[in-house]
Amino acid sequence: MSKLGDKIKHLRVLRGISMEGLAEEVGVSRASISKIESGDTLNPRMDTIAKIAEVLKIDQEYFTDINAVTPFELIQKMPPETQAFLMNEKTMPYLKLAISAWKEDIKIEDIEELIKFAKKFGKG
């Protein structure tokens, strides 16, 4: 399989979409999707790639940038403890808080001080 084909197949399977389903959504034949995934079609039309990206809910750059990886692929490379944290629904408030702190450019040192304070004076 081609790198492009691997990426498309990986996401298609991950999303639980059949080849026929993807072909129908994109407006091409099942054979076209099969040829792209197998690498038999080396340069598929960019409008087809754009539609595949839309259906698979991923930025088109993922298919055109050879170094691009999905968030799921990044998570798979992380230590098991980090994977468990990121994949657990109960940790979502912590992730949202981390994102907010990052967007507000709050320093790690300040967050560490807040954690020390919370430990010292109780956990509400």
PDB file of N, CA and C in Angstrom:
ATOM      1  N   MET A   1       0.840  -1.200   0.000  1.00  0.00           N
ATOM      2  CA  MET A   1       0.000   0.000   0.000  1.00  0.00           C
ATOM      3  C   MET A   1       0.875   1.250   0.000  1.00  0.00           C
ATOM      4  N   SER A   2       0.361   2.295  -0.614  1.00  0.00           N
ATOM      5  CA  SER A   2       1.064   3.569  -0.613  1.00  0.00           C
ATOM      6  C   SER A   2       0.867   4.259   0.731  1.00  0.00           C
ATOM      7  N   LYS A   3       1.722   5.202   1.020  1.00  0.00           N
ATOM      8  CA  LYS A   3       1.588   5.973   2.257  1.00  0.00           C
ATOM      9  C   LYS A   3       0.208   6.644   2.287  1.00  0.00           C
ATOM     10  N   LEU A   4      -0.187   7.254   1.176  1.00  0.00           N
ATOM     11  CA  LEU A   4      -1.503   7.880   1.087  1.00  0.00           C
ATOM     12  C   LEU A   4      -2.592   6.834   1.299  1.00  0.00           C
ATOM     13  N   GLY A   5      -2.459   5.714   0.621  1.00  0.00           N
ATOM     14  CA  GLY A   5      -3.449   4.645   0.747  1.00  0.00           C
ATOM     15  C   GLY A   5      -3.530   4.107   2.166  1.00  0.00           C
ATOM     16  N   ASP A   6      -2.360   3.959   2.809  1.00  0.00           N
ATOM     17  CA  ASP A   6      -2.331   3.504   4.203  1.00  0.00           C
ATOM     18  C   ASP A   6      -3.090   4.466   5.103  1.00  0.00           C
ATOM     19  N   LYS A   7      -2.846   5.748   4.899  1.00  0.00           N
ATOM     20  CA  LYS A   7      -3.503   6.764   5.734  1.00  0.00           C
ATOM     21  C   LYS A   7      -5.019   6.735   5.544  1.00  0.00           C
ATOM     22  N   ILE A   8      -5.454   6.650   4.300  1.00  0.00           N
ATOM     23  CA  ILE A   8      -6.893   6.626   4.029  1.00  0.00           C
ATOM     24  C   ILE A   8      -7.531   5.378   4.634  1.00  0.00           C
ATOM     25  N   LYS A   9      -6.904   4.232   4.395  1.00  0.00           N
ATOM     26  CA  LYS A   9      -7.467   2.989   4.928  1.00  0.00           C
ATOM     27  C   LYS A   9      -7.497   3.010   6.448  1.00  0.00           C
ATOM     28  N   HIS A  10      -6.417   3.467   7.061  1.00  0.00           N
ATOM     29  CA  HIS A  10      -6.345   3.524   8.526  1.00  0.00           C
ATOM     30  C   HIS A  10      -7.510   4.343   9.087  1.00  0.00           C
ATOM     31  N   LEU A  11      -7.713   5.529   8.545  1.00  0.00           N
ATOM     32  CA  LEU A  11      -8.797   6.382   9.047  1.00  0.00           C
ATOM     33  C   LEU A  11     -10.172   5.813   8.711  1.00  0.00           C
ATOM     34  N   ARG A  12     -10.294   5.260   7.534  1.00  0.00           N
ATOM     35  CA  ARG A  12     -11.590   4.690   7.130  1.00  0.00           C
ATOM     36  C   ARG A  12     -11.987   3.572   8.088  1.00  0.00           C
ATOM     37  N   VAL A  13     -11.056   2.676   8.367  1.00  0.00           N
ATOM     38  CA  VAL A  13     -11.328   1.557   9.269  1.00  0.00           C
ATOM     39  C   VAL A  13     -11.570   2.076  10.687  1.00  0.00           C
ATOM     40  N   LEU A  14     -10.740   3.024  11.122  1.00  0.00           N
ATOM     41  CA  LEU A  14     -10.887   3.613  12.451  1.00  0.00           C
ATOM     42  C   LEU A  14     -12.269   4.242  12.629  1.00  0.00           C
ATOM     43  N   ARG A  15     -12.791   4.847  11.577  1.00  0.00           N
ATOM     44  CA  ARG A  15     -14.107   5.493  11.628  1.00  0.00           C
ATOM     45  C   ARG A  15     -15.248   4.501  11.372  1.00  0.00           C
ATOM     46  N   GLY A  16     -14.898   3.267  11.055  1.00  0.00           N
ATOM     47  CA  GLY A  16     -15.930   2.254  10.831  1.00  0.00           C
ATOM     48  C   GLY A  16     -16.679   2.438   9.528  1.00  0.00           C
ATOM     49  N   ILE A  17     -15.996   2.953   8.527  1.00  0.00           N
ATOM     50  CA  ILE A  17     -16.614   3.197   7.222  1.00  0.00           C
ATOM     51  C   ILE A  17     -16.121   2.147   6.234  1.00  0.00           C
ATOM     52  N   SER A  18     -17.038   1.542   5.517  1.00  0.00           N
ATOM     53  CA  SER A  18     -16.654   0.548   4.508  1.00  0.00           C
ATOM     54  C   SER A  18     -16.111   1.269   3.278  1.00  0.00           C
ATOM     55  N   MET A  19     -15.436   0.512   2.435  1.00  0.00           N
ATOM     56  CA  MET A  19     -14.954   1.072   1.178  1.00  0.00           C
ATOM     57  C   MET A  19     -16.126   1.585   0.343  1.00  0.00           C
ATOM     58  N   GLU A  20     -17.209   0.795   0.351  1.00  0.00           N
ATOM     59  CA  GLU A  20     -18.398   1.192  -0.399  1.00  0.00           C
ATOM     60  C   GLU A  20     -18.992   2.484   0.172  1.00  0.00           C
ATOM     61  N   GLY A  21     -19.031   2.571   1.502  1.00  0.00           N
ATOM     62  CA  GLY A  21     -19.584   3.762   2.143  1.00  0.00           C
ATOM     63  C   GLY A  21     -18.767   5.000   1.837  1.00  0.00           C
ATOM     64  N   LEU A  22     -17.445   4.867   1.891  1.00  0.00           N
ATOM     65  CA  LEU A  22     -16.580   6.001   1.577  1.00  0.00           C
ATOM     66  C   LEU A  22     -16.751   6.406   0.123  1.00  0.00           C
ATOM     67  N   ALA A  23     -16.771   5.421  -0.767  1.00  0.00           N
ATOM     68  CA  ALA A  23     -16.933   5.708  -2.194  1.00  0.00           C
ATOM     69  C   ALA A  23     -18.231   6.467  -2.454  1.00  0.00           C
ATOM     70  N   GLU A  24     -19.308   6.014  -1.813  1.00  0.00           N
ATOM     71  CA  GLU A  24     -20.606   6.672  -2.000  1.00  0.00           C
ATOM     72  C   GLU A  24     -20.565   8.122  -1.511  1.00  0.00           C
ATOM     73  N   GLU A  25     -19.990   8.334  -0.321  1.00  0.00           N
ATOM     74  CA  GLU A  25     -19.910   9.692   0.244  1.00  0.00           C
ATOM     75  C   GLU A  25     -19.045  10.617  -0.611  1.00  0.00           C
ATOM     76  N   VAL A  26     -17.974  10.064  -1.171  1.00  0.00           N
ATOM     77  CA  VAL A  26     -17.035  10.860  -1.967  1.00  0.00           C
ATOM     78  C   VAL A  26     -17.557  11.085  -3.385  1.00  0.00           C
ATOM     79  N   GLY A  27     -18.397  10.152  -3.854  1.00  0.00           N
ATOM     80  CA  GLY A  27     -18.926  10.276  -5.213  1.00  0.00           C
ATOM     81  C   GLY A  27     -18.051   9.620  -6.259  1.00  0.00           C
ATOM     82  N   VAL A  28     -17.346   8.549  -5.836  1.00  0.00           N
ATOM     83  CA  VAL A  28     -16.514   7.788  -6.773  1.00  0.00           C
ATOM     84  C   VAL A  28     -16.883   6.315  -6.627  1.00  0.00           C
ATOM     85  N   SER A  29     -16.300   5.492  -7.459  1.00  0.00           N
ATOM     86  CA  SER A  29     -16.592   4.058  -7.385  1.00  0.00           C
ATOM     87  C   SER A  29     -15.791   3.405  -6.256  1.00  0.00           C
ATOM     88  N   ARG A  30     -16.268   2.231  -5.829  1.00  0.00           N
ATOM     89  CA  ARG A  30     -15.540   1.460  -4.824  1.00  0.00           C
ATOM     90  C   ARG A  30     -14.162   1.109  -5.363  1.00  0.00           C
ATOM     91  N   ALA A  31     -14.091   0.822  -6.650  1.00  0.00           N
ATOM     92  CA  ALA A  31     -12.814   0.473  -7.293  1.00  0.00           C
ATOM     93  C   ALA A  31     -11.822   1.631  -7.190  1.00  0.00           C
ATOM     94  N   SER A  32     -12.317   2.857  -7.309  1.00  0.00           N
ATOM     95  CA  SER A  32     -11.430   4.027  -7.184  1.00  0.00           C
ATOM     96  C   SER A  32     -10.813   4.104  -5.794  1.00  0.00           C
ATOM     97  N   ILE A  33     -11.636   3.883  -4.762  1.00  0.00           N
ATOM     98  CA  ILE A  33     -11.133   3.909  -3.385  1.00  0.00           C
ATOM     99  C   ILE A  33     -10.136   2.771  -3.194  1.00  0.00           C
ATOM    100  N   SER A  34     -10.463   1.598  -3.705  1.00  0.00           N
ATOM    101  CA  SER A  34      -9.579   0.443  -3.597  1.00  0.00           C
ATOM    102  C   SER A  34      -8.228   0.718  -4.252  1.00  0.00           C
ATOM    103  N   LYS A  35      -8.249   1.323  -5.425  1.00  0.00           N
ATOM    104  CA  LYS A  35      -7.000   1.626  -6.146  1.00  0.00           C
ATOM    105  C   LYS A  35      -6.167   2.673  -5.404  1.00  0.00           C
ATOM    106  N   ILE A  36      -6.828   3.654  -4.804  1.00  0.00           N
ATOM    107  CA  ILE A  36      -6.099   4.665  -4.033  1.00  0.00           C
ATOM    108  C   ILE A  36      -5.462   4.012  -2.810  1.00  0.00           C
ATOM    109  N   GLU A  37      -6.235   3.188  -2.100  1.00  0.00           N
ATOM    110  CA  GLU A  37      -5.728   2.544  -0.885  1.00  0.00           C
ATOM    111  C   GLU A  37      -4.594   1.566  -1.190  1.00  0.00           C
ATOM    112  N   SER A  38      -4.670   0.889  -2.316  1.00  0.00           N
ATOM    113  CA  SER A  38      -3.642  -0.106  -2.667  1.00  0.00           C
ATOM    114  C   SER A  38      -2.408   0.528  -3.308  1.00  0.00           C
ATOM    115  N   GLY A  39      -2.523   1.791  -3.691  1.00  0.00           N
ATOM    116  CA  GLY A  39      -1.398   2.460  -4.339  1.00  0.00           C
ATOM    117  C   GLY A  39      -1.396   2.319  -5.839  1.00  0.00           C
ATOM    118  N   ASP A  40      -2.424   1.672  -6.400  1.00  0.00           N
ATOM    119  CA  ASP A  40      -2.503   1.533  -7.857  1.00  0.00           C
ATOM    120  C   ASP A  40      -2.769   2.869  -8.539  1.00  0.00           C
ATOM    121  N   THR A  41      -3.460   3.765  -7.850  1.00  0.00           N
ATOM    122  CA  THR A  41      -3.648   5.122  -8.354  1.00  0.00           C
ATOM    123  C   THR A  41      -2.651   5.992  -7.608  1.00  0.00           C
ATOM    124  N   LEU A  42      -1.602   6.419  -8.294  1.00  0.00           N
ATOM    125  CA  LEU A  42      -0.515   7.141  -7.632  1.00  0.00           C
ATOM    126  C   LEU A  42      -0.809   8.614  -7.400  1.00  0.00           C
ATOM    127  N   ASN A  43      -1.557   9.222  -8.284  1.00  0.00           N
ATOM    128  CA  ASN A  43      -1.852  10.646  -8.165  1.00  0.00           C
ATOM    129  C   ASN A  43      -3.355  10.895  -8.282  1.00  0.00           C
ATOM    130  N   PRO A  44      -4.102  10.588  -7.235  1.00  0.00           N
ATOM    131  CA  PRO A  44      -5.544  10.834  -7.311  1.00  0.00           C
ATOM    132  C   PRO A  44      -5.824  12.339  -7.399  1.00  0.00           C
ATOM    133  N   ARG A  45      -6.974  12.657  -7.930  1.00  0.00           N
ATOM    134  CA  ARG A  45      -7.361  14.067  -8.091  1.00  0.00           C
ATOM    135  C   ARG A  45      -7.433  14.740  -6.714  1.00  0.00           C
ATOM    136  N   MET A  46      -6.992  15.971  -6.660  1.00  0.00           N
ATOM    137  CA  MET A  46      -6.996  16.705  -5.395  1.00  0.00           C
ATOM    138  C   MET A  46      -8.411  16.930  -4.867  1.00  0.00           C
ATOM    139  N   ASP A  47      -9.387  17.083  -5.763  1.00  0.00           N
ATOM    140  CA  ASP A  47     -10.761  17.252  -5.288  1.00  0.00           C
ATOM    141  C   ASP A  47     -11.274  15.956  -4.652  1.00  0.00           C
ATOM    142  N   THR A  48     -10.792  14.816  -5.142  1.00  0.00           N
ATOM    143  CA  THR A  48     -11.164  13.536  -4.539  1.00  0.00           C
ATOM    144  C   THR A  48     -10.538  13.416  -3.156  1.00  0.00           C
ATOM    145  N   ILE A  49      -9.270  13.781  -3.038  1.00  0.00           N
ATOM    146  CA  ILE A  49      -8.583  13.745  -1.743  1.00  0.00           C
ATOM    147  C   ILE A  49      -9.261  14.699  -0.764  1.00  0.00           C
ATOM    148  N   ALA A  50      -9.656  15.866  -1.250  1.00  0.00           N
ATOM    149  CA  ALA A  50     -10.338  16.844  -0.386  1.00  0.00           C
ATOM    150  C   ALA A  50     -11.651  16.276   0.136  1.00  0.00           C
ATOM    151  N   LYS A  51     -12.389  15.605  -0.726  1.00  0.00           N
ATOM    152  CA  LYS A  51     -13.670  15.020  -0.314  1.00  0.00           C
ATOM    153  C   LYS A  51     -13.453  13.855   0.651  1.00  0.00           C
ATOM    154  N   ILE A  52     -12.433  13.040   0.402  1.00  0.00           N
ATOM    155  CA  ILE A  52     -12.110  11.938   1.318  1.00  0.00           C
ATOM    156  C   ILE A  52     -11.764  12.507   2.693  1.00  0.00           C
ATOM    157  N   ALA A  53     -10.963  13.556   2.720  1.00  0.00           N
ATOM    158  CA  ALA A  53     -10.590  14.193   3.991  1.00  0.00           C
ATOM    159  C   ALA A  53     -11.823  14.710   4.720  1.00  0.00           C
ATOM    160  N   GLU A  54     -12.734  15.307   3.980  1.00  0.00           N
ATOM    161  CA  GLU A  54     -13.971  15.829   4.573  1.00  0.00           C
ATOM    162  C   GLU A  54     -14.798  14.697   5.188  1.00  0.00           C
ATOM    163  N   VAL A  55     -14.966  13.615   4.443  1.00  0.00           N
ATOM    164  CA  VAL A  55     -15.758  12.482   4.927  1.00  0.00           C
ATOM    165  C   VAL A  55     -15.098  11.842   6.147  1.00  0.00           C
ATOM    166  N   LEU A  56     -13.765  11.748   6.130  1.00  0.00           N
ATOM    167  CA  LEU A  56     -13.048  11.119   7.233  1.00  0.00           C
ATOM    168  C   LEU A  56     -12.748  12.095   8.376  1.00  0.00           C
ATOM    169  N   LYS A  57     -13.222  13.329   8.223  1.00  0.00           N
ATOM    170  CA  LYS A  57     -13.101  14.346   9.273  1.00  0.00           C
ATOM    171  C   LYS A  57     -11.647  14.599   9.679  1.00  0.00           C
ATOM    172  N   ILE A  58     -10.829  14.886   8.666  1.00  0.00           N
ATOM    173  CA  ILE A  58      -9.412  15.176   8.918  1.00  0.00           C
ATOM    174  C   ILE A  58      -8.985  16.272   7.952  1.00  0.00           C
ATOM    175  N   ASP A  59      -8.016  17.049   8.357  1.00  0.00           N
ATOM    176  CA  ASP A  59      -7.485  18.097   7.484  1.00  0.00           C
ATOM    177  C   ASP A  59      -6.832  17.450   6.267  1.00  0.00           C
ATOM    178  N   GLN A  60      -7.054  18.020   5.111  1.00  0.00           N
ATOM    179  CA  GLN A  60      -6.502  17.487   3.863  1.00  0.00           C
ATOM    180  C   GLN A  60      -4.977  17.397   3.931  1.00  0.00           C
ATOM    181  N   GLU A  61      -4.353  18.255   4.708  1.00  0.00           N
ATOM    182  CA  GLU A  61      -2.897  18.260   4.853  1.00  0.00           C
ATOM    183  C   GLU A  61      -2.375  16.910   5.350  1.00  0.00           C
ATOM    184  N   TYR A  62      -3.196  16.209   6.128  1.00  0.00           N
ATOM    185  CA  TYR A  62      -2.795  14.886   6.620  1.00  0.00           C
ATOM    186  C   TYR A  62      -2.443  13.957   5.453  1.00  0.00           C
ATOM    187  N   PHE A  63      -3.128  14.098   4.343  1.00  0.00           N
ATOM    188  CA  PHE A  63      -2.877  13.245   3.192  1.00  0.00           C
ATOM    189  C   PHE A  63      -1.755  13.770   2.296  1.00  0.00           C
ATOM    190  N   THR A  64      -1.543  15.069   2.298  1.00  0.00           N
ATOM    191  CA  THR A  64      -0.554  15.644   1.388  1.00  0.00           C
ATOM    192  C   THR A  64       0.812  15.859   2.032  1.00  0.00           C
ATOM    193  N   ASP A  65       0.884  15.916   3.363  1.00  0.00           N
ATOM    194  CA  ASP A  65       2.153  16.087   4.070  1.00  0.00           C
ATOM    195  C   ASP A  65       2.662  14.718   4.500  1.00  0.00           C
ATOM    196  N   ILE A  66       3.796  14.321   3.991  1.00  0.00           N
ATOM    197  CA  ILE A  66       4.331  12.981   4.273  1.00  0.00           C
ATOM    198  C   ILE A  66       4.629  12.770   5.753  1.00  0.00           C
ATOM    199  N   ASN A  67       4.874  13.844   6.493  1.00  0.00           N
ATOM    200  CA  ASN A  67       5.207  13.725   7.920  1.00  0.00           C
ATOM    201  C   ASN A  67       4.004  13.878   8.843  1.00  0.00           C
ATOM    202  N   ALA A  68       2.844  14.182   8.286  1.00  0.00           N
ATOM    203  CA  ALA A  68       1.659  14.412   9.111  1.00  0.00           C
ATOM    204  C   ALA A  68       1.179  13.115   9.750  1.00  0.00           C
ATOM    205  N   VAL A  69       0.769  13.210  11.006  1.00  0.00           N
ATOM    206  CA  VAL A  69       0.204  12.066  11.712  1.00  0.00           C
ATOM    207  C   VAL A  69      -1.093  12.498  12.382  1.00  0.00           C
ATOM    208  N   THR A  70      -1.948  11.540  12.653  1.00  0.00           N
ATOM    209  CA  THR A  70      -3.203  11.842  13.344  1.00  0.00           C
ATOM    210  C   THR A  70      -2.928  11.951  14.837  1.00  0.00           C
ATOM    211  N   PRO A  71      -3.811  12.629  15.556  1.00  0.00           N
ATOM    212  CA  PRO A  71      -3.665  12.649  17.017  1.00  0.00           C
ATOM    213  C   PRO A  71      -3.627  11.240  17.599  1.00  0.00           C
ATOM    214  N   PHE A  72      -4.398  10.330  17.043  1.00  0.00           N
ATOM    215  CA  PHE A  72      -4.410   8.953  17.520  1.00  0.00           C
ATOM    216  C   PHE A  72      -3.036   8.306  17.360  1.00  0.00           C
ATOM    217  N   GLU A  73      -2.382   8.563  16.232  1.00  0.00           N
ATOM    218  CA  GLU A  73      -1.041   8.016  16.007  1.00  0.00           C
ATOM    219  C   GLU A  73      -0.040   8.601  17.002  1.00  0.00           C
ATOM    220  N   LEU A  74      -0.192   9.875  17.327  1.00  0.00           N
ATOM    221  CA  LEU A  74       0.680  10.493  18.328  1.00  0.00           C
ATOM    222  C   LEU A  74       0.478   9.849  19.695  1.00  0.00           C
ATOM    223  N   ILE A  75      -0.776   9.630  20.044  1.00  0.00           N
ATOM    224  CA  ILE A  75      -1.091   9.023  21.341  1.00  0.00           C
ATOM    225  C   ILE A  75      -0.480   7.630  21.440  1.00  0.00           C
ATOM    226  N   GLN A  76      -0.511   6.874  20.354  1.00  0.00           N
ATOM    227  CA  GLN A  76       0.038   5.516  20.364  1.00  0.00           C
ATOM    228  C   GLN A  76       1.532   5.494  20.657  1.00  0.00           C
ATOM    229  N   LYS A  77       2.230   6.597  20.393  1.00  0.00           N
ATOM    230  CA  LYS A  77       3.669   6.669  20.629  1.00  0.00           C
ATOM    231  C   LYS A  77       3.999   7.112  22.063  1.00  0.00           C
ATOM    232  N   MET A  78       2.985   7.472  22.828  1.00  0.00           N
ATOM    233  CA  MET A  78       3.189   7.969  24.186  1.00  0.00           C
ATOM    234  C   MET A  78       3.256   6.823  25.192  1.00  0.00           C
ATOM    235  N   PRO A  79       3.828   7.105  26.369  1.00  0.00           N
ATOM    236  CA  PRO A  79       3.866   6.068  27.414  1.00  0.00           C
ATOM    237  C   PRO A  79       2.449   5.617  27.783  1.00  0.00           C
ATOM    238  N   PRO A  80       2.287   4.357  28.199  1.00  0.00           N
ATOM    239  CA  PRO A  80       0.957   3.816  28.522  1.00  0.00           C
ATOM    240  C   PRO A  80       0.164   4.669  29.523  1.00  0.00           C
ATOM    241  N   GLU A  81       0.837   5.212  30.526  1.00  0.00           N
ATOM    242  CA  GLU A  81       0.141   6.034  31.521  1.00  0.00           C
ATOM    243  C   GLU A  81      -0.464   7.292  30.874  1.00  0.00           C
ATOM    244  N   THR A  82       0.280   7.895  29.960  1.00  0.00           N
ATOM    245  CA  THR A  82      -0.216   9.084  29.250  1.00  0.00           C
ATOM    246  C   THR A  82      -1.364   8.707  28.331  1.00  0.00           C
ATOM    247  N   GLN A  83      -1.250   7.567  27.648  1.00  0.00           N
ATOM    248  CA  GLN A  83      -2.329   7.092  26.783  1.00  0.00           C
ATOM    249  C   GLN A  83      -3.606   6.905  27.592  1.00  0.00           C
ATOM    250  N   ALA A  84      -3.483   6.260  28.753  1.00  0.00           N
ATOM    251  CA  ALA A  84      -4.655   6.009  29.596  1.00  0.00           C
ATOM    252  C   ALA A  84      -5.307   7.314  30.018  1.00  0.00           C
ATOM    253  N   PHE A  85      -4.495   8.290  30.362  1.00  0.00           N
ATOM    254  CA  PHE A  85      -5.021   9.603  30.768  1.00  0.00           C
ATOM    255  C   PHE A  85      -5.768  10.270  29.616  1.00  0.00           C
ATOM    256  N   LEU A  86      -5.159  10.286  28.450  1.00  0.00           N
ATOM    257  CA  LEU A  86      -5.749  10.970  27.301  1.00  0.00           C
ATOM    258  C   LEU A  86      -7.005  10.285  26.768  1.00  0.00           C
ATOM    259  N   MET A  87      -7.099   8.986  26.959  1.00  0.00           N
ATOM    260  CA  MET A  87      -8.224   8.238  26.418  1.00  0.00           C
ATOM    261  C   MET A  87      -9.355   8.042  27.425  1.00  0.00           C
ATOM    262  N   ASN A  88      -9.247   8.654  28.607  1.00  0.00           N
ATOM    263  CA  ASN A  88     -10.236   8.480  29.660  1.00  0.00           C
ATOM    264  C   ASN A  88     -11.169   9.691  29.703  1.00  0.00           C
ATOM    265  N   GLU A  89     -12.467   9.446  29.590  1.00  0.00           N
ATOM    266  CA  GLU A  89     -13.445  10.538  29.607  1.00  0.00           C
ATOM    267  C   GLU A  89     -13.400  11.350  30.895  1.00  0.00           C
ATOM    268  N   LYS A  90     -13.080  10.697  32.001  1.00  0.00           N
ATOM    269  CA  LYS A  90     -13.072  11.368  33.294  1.00  0.00           C
ATOM    270  C   LYS A  90     -11.959  12.404  33.412  1.00  0.00           C
ATOM    271  N   THR A  91     -10.938  12.322  32.553  1.00  0.00           N
ATOM    272  CA  THR A  91      -9.838  13.281  32.610  1.00  0.00           C
ATOM    273  C   THR A  91     -10.078  14.507  31.727  1.00  0.00           C
ATOM    274  N   MET A  92     -11.185  14.528  31.008  1.00  0.00           N
ATOM    275  CA  MET A  92     -11.463  15.629  30.089  1.00  0.00           C
ATOM    276  C   MET A  92     -11.424  17.011  30.762  1.00  0.00           C
ATOM    277  N   PRO A  93     -11.984  17.179  31.977  1.00  0.00           N
ATOM    278  CA  PRO A  93     -11.895  18.512  32.610  1.00  0.00           C
ATOM    279  C   PRO A  93     -10.443  18.962  32.813  1.00  0.00           C
ATOM    280  N   TYR A  94      -9.556  18.020  33.113  1.00  0.00           N
ATOM    281  CA  TYR A  94      -8.148  18.362  33.298  1.00  0.00           C
ATOM    282  C   TYR A  94      -7.502  18.789  31.977  1.00  0.00           C
ATOM    283  N   LEU A  95      -7.875  18.100  30.914  1.00  0.00           N
ATOM    284  CA  LEU A  95      -7.353  18.473  29.601  1.00  0.00           C
ATOM    285  C   LEU A  95      -7.850  19.848  29.182  1.00  0.00           C
ATOM    286  N   LYS A  96      -9.122  20.121  29.442  1.00  0.00           N
ATOM    287  CA  LYS A  96      -9.679  21.433  29.108  1.00  0.00           C
ATOM    288  C   LYS A  96      -8.988  22.532  29.908  1.00  0.00           C
ATOM    289  N   LEU A  97      -8.712  22.250  31.173  1.00  0.00           N
ATOM    290  CA  LEU A  97      -8.014  23.209  32.017  1.00  0.00           C
ATOM    291  C   LEU A  97      -6.597  23.456  31.488  1.00  0.00           C
ATOM    292  N   ALA A  98      -5.917  22.393  31.073  1.00  0.00           N
ATOM    293  CA  ALA A  98      -4.569  22.532  30.522  1.00  0.00           C
ATOM    294  C   ALA A  98      -4.593  23.358  29.236  1.00  0.00           C
ATOM    295  N   ILE A  99      -5.584  23.125  28.404  1.00  0.00           N
ATOM    296  CA  ILE A  99      -5.700  23.890  27.160  1.00  0.00           C
ATOM    297  C   ILE A  99      -5.941  25.367  27.467  1.00  0.00           C
ATOM    298  N   SER A 100      -6.815  25.638  28.431  1.00  0.00           N
ATOM    299  CA  SER A 100      -7.083  27.025  28.820  1.00  0.00           C
ATOM    300  C   SER A 100      -5.815  27.704  29.330  1.00  0.00           C
ATOM    301  N   ALA A 101      -5.061  27.001  30.182  1.00  0.00           N
ATOM    302  CA  ALA A 101      -3.820  27.560  30.713  1.00  0.00           C
ATOM    303  C   ALA A 101      -2.835  27.839  29.582  1.00  0.00           C
ATOM    304  N   TRP A 102      -2.751  26.918  28.630  1.00  0.00           N
ATOM    305  CA  TRP A 102      -1.851  27.088  27.496  1.00  0.00           C
ATOM    306  C   TRP A 102      -2.262  28.292  26.645  1.00  0.00           C
ATOM    307  N   LYS A 103      -3.564  28.422  26.371  1.00  0.00           N
ATOM    308  CA  LYS A 103      -4.058  29.546  25.566  1.00  0.00           C
ATOM    309  C   LYS A 103      -3.818  30.884  26.258  1.00  0.00           C
ATOM    310  N   GLU A 104      -3.895  30.884  27.575  1.00  0.00           N
ATOM    311  CA  GLU A 104      -3.692  32.112  28.350  1.00  0.00           C
ATOM    312  C   GLU A 104      -2.210  32.359  28.642  1.00  0.00           C
ATOM    313  N   ASP A 105      -1.365  31.468  28.150  1.00  0.00           N
ATOM    314  CA  ASP A 105       0.077  31.582  28.328  1.00  0.00           C
ATOM    315  C   ASP A 105       0.480  31.592  29.808  1.00  0.00           C
ATOM    316  N   ILE A 106      -0.195  30.764  30.590  1.00  0.00           N
ATOM    317  CA  ILE A 106       0.137  30.631  32.008  1.00  0.00           C
ATOM    318  C   ILE A 106       1.360  29.723  32.120  1.00  0.00           C
ATOM    319  N   LYS A 107       2.338  30.158  32.888  1.00  0.00           N
ATOM    320  CA  LYS A 107       3.591  29.422  33.002  1.00  0.00           C
ATOM    321  C   LYS A 107       3.416  28.140  33.816  1.00  0.00           C
ATOM    322  N   ILE A 108       4.171  27.128  33.442  1.00  0.00           N
ATOM    323  CA  ILE A 108       4.156  25.844  34.139  1.00  0.00           C
ATOM    324  C   ILE A 108       4.477  26.046  35.620  1.00  0.00           C
ATOM    325  N   GLU A 109       5.434  26.911  35.889  1.00  0.00           N
ATOM    326  CA  GLU A 109       5.833  27.158  37.280  1.00  0.00           C
ATOM    327  C   GLU A 109       4.655  27.669  38.101  1.00  0.00           C
ATOM    328  N   ASP A 110       3.825  28.525  37.513  1.00  0.00           N
ATOM    329  CA  ASP A 110       2.656  29.064  38.213  1.00  0.00           C
ATOM    330  C   ASP A 110       1.637  27.957  38.497  1.00  0.00           C
ATOM    331  N   ILE A 111       1.470  27.075  37.554  1.00  0.00           N
ATOM    332  CA  ILE A 111       0.540  25.948  37.752  1.00  0.00           C
ATOM    333  C   ILE A 111       1.072  25.032  38.851  1.00  0.00           C
ATOM    334  N   GLU A 112       2.373  24.774  38.834  1.00  0.00           N
ATOM    335  CA  GLU A 112       2.979  23.935  39.878  1.00  0.00           C
ATOM    336  C   GLU A 112       2.779  24.559  41.260  1.00  0.00           C
ATOM    337  N   GLU A 113       2.891  25.877  41.358  1.00  0.00           N
ATOM    338  CA  GLU A 113       2.662  26.573  42.632  1.00  0.00           C
ATOM    339  C   GLU A 113       1.208  26.419  43.085  1.00  0.00           C
ATOM    340  N   LEU A 114       0.285  26.499  42.155  1.00  0.00           N
ATOM    341  CA  LEU A 114      -1.126  26.315  42.489  1.00  0.00           C
ATOM    342  C   LEU A 114      -1.394  24.900  43.005  1.00  0.00           C
ATOM    343  N   ILE A 115      -0.741  23.929  42.401  1.00  0.00           N
ATOM    344  CA  ILE A 115      -0.905  22.541  42.839  1.00  0.00           C
ATOM    345  C   ILE A 115      -0.370  22.373  44.259  1.00  0.00           C
ATOM    346  N   LYS A 116       0.798  22.955  44.545  1.00  0.00           N
ATOM    347  CA  LYS A 116       1.364  22.897  45.896  1.00  0.00           C
ATOM    348  C   LYS A 116       0.405  23.538  46.901  1.00  0.00           C
ATOM    349  N   PHE A 117      -0.166  24.671  46.525  1.00  0.00           N
ATOM    350  CA  PHE A 117      -1.115  25.376  47.389  1.00  0.00           C
ATOM    351  C   PHE A 117      -2.335  24.498  47.668  1.00  0.00           C
ATOM    352  N   ALA A 118      -2.881  23.878  46.614  1.00  0.00           N
ATOM    353  CA  ALA A 118      -4.056  23.028  46.757  1.00  0.00           C
ATOM    354  C   ALA A 118      -3.759  21.826  47.652  1.00  0.00           C
ATOM    355  N   LYS A 119      -2.574  21.241  47.519  1.00  0.00           N
ATOM    356  CA  LYS A 119      -2.194  20.111  48.360  1.00  0.00           C
ATOM    357  C   LYS A 119      -2.060  20.534  49.827  1.00  0.00           C
ATOM    358  N   LYS A 120      -1.506  21.711  50.016  1.00  0.00           N
ATOM    359  CA  LYS A 120      -1.269  22.195  51.384  1.00  0.00           C
ATOM    360  C   LYS A 120      -2.564  22.540  52.110  1.00  0.00           C
ATOM    361  N   PHE A 121      -3.511  23.133  51.397  1.00  0.00           N
ATOM    362  CA  PHE A 121      -4.727  23.629  52.037  1.00  0.00           C
ATOM    363  C   PHE A 121      -5.959  22.783  51.753  1.00  0.00           C
ATOM    364  N   GLY A 122      -5.773  21.607  51.229  1.00  0.00           N
ATOM    365  CA  GLY A 122      -6.894  20.697  51.038  1.00  0.00           C
ATOM    366  C   GLY A 122      -7.360  20.637  49.615  1.00  0.00           C
ATOM    367  N   LYS A 123      -8.013  19.549  49.339  1.00  0.00           N
ATOM    368  CA  LYS A 123      -8.546  19.317  47.982  1.00  0.00           C
ATOM    369  C   LYS A 123     -10.044  19.513  48.040  1.00  0.00           C
ATOM    370  N   GLY A 124     -10.518  20.594  47.419  1.00  0.00           N
ATOM    371  CA  GLY A 124     -11.935  20.942  47.467  1.00  0.00           C
ATOM    372  C   GLY A 124     -12.750  20.015  46.756  1.00  0.00           C
TER     373      GLY A 124
END
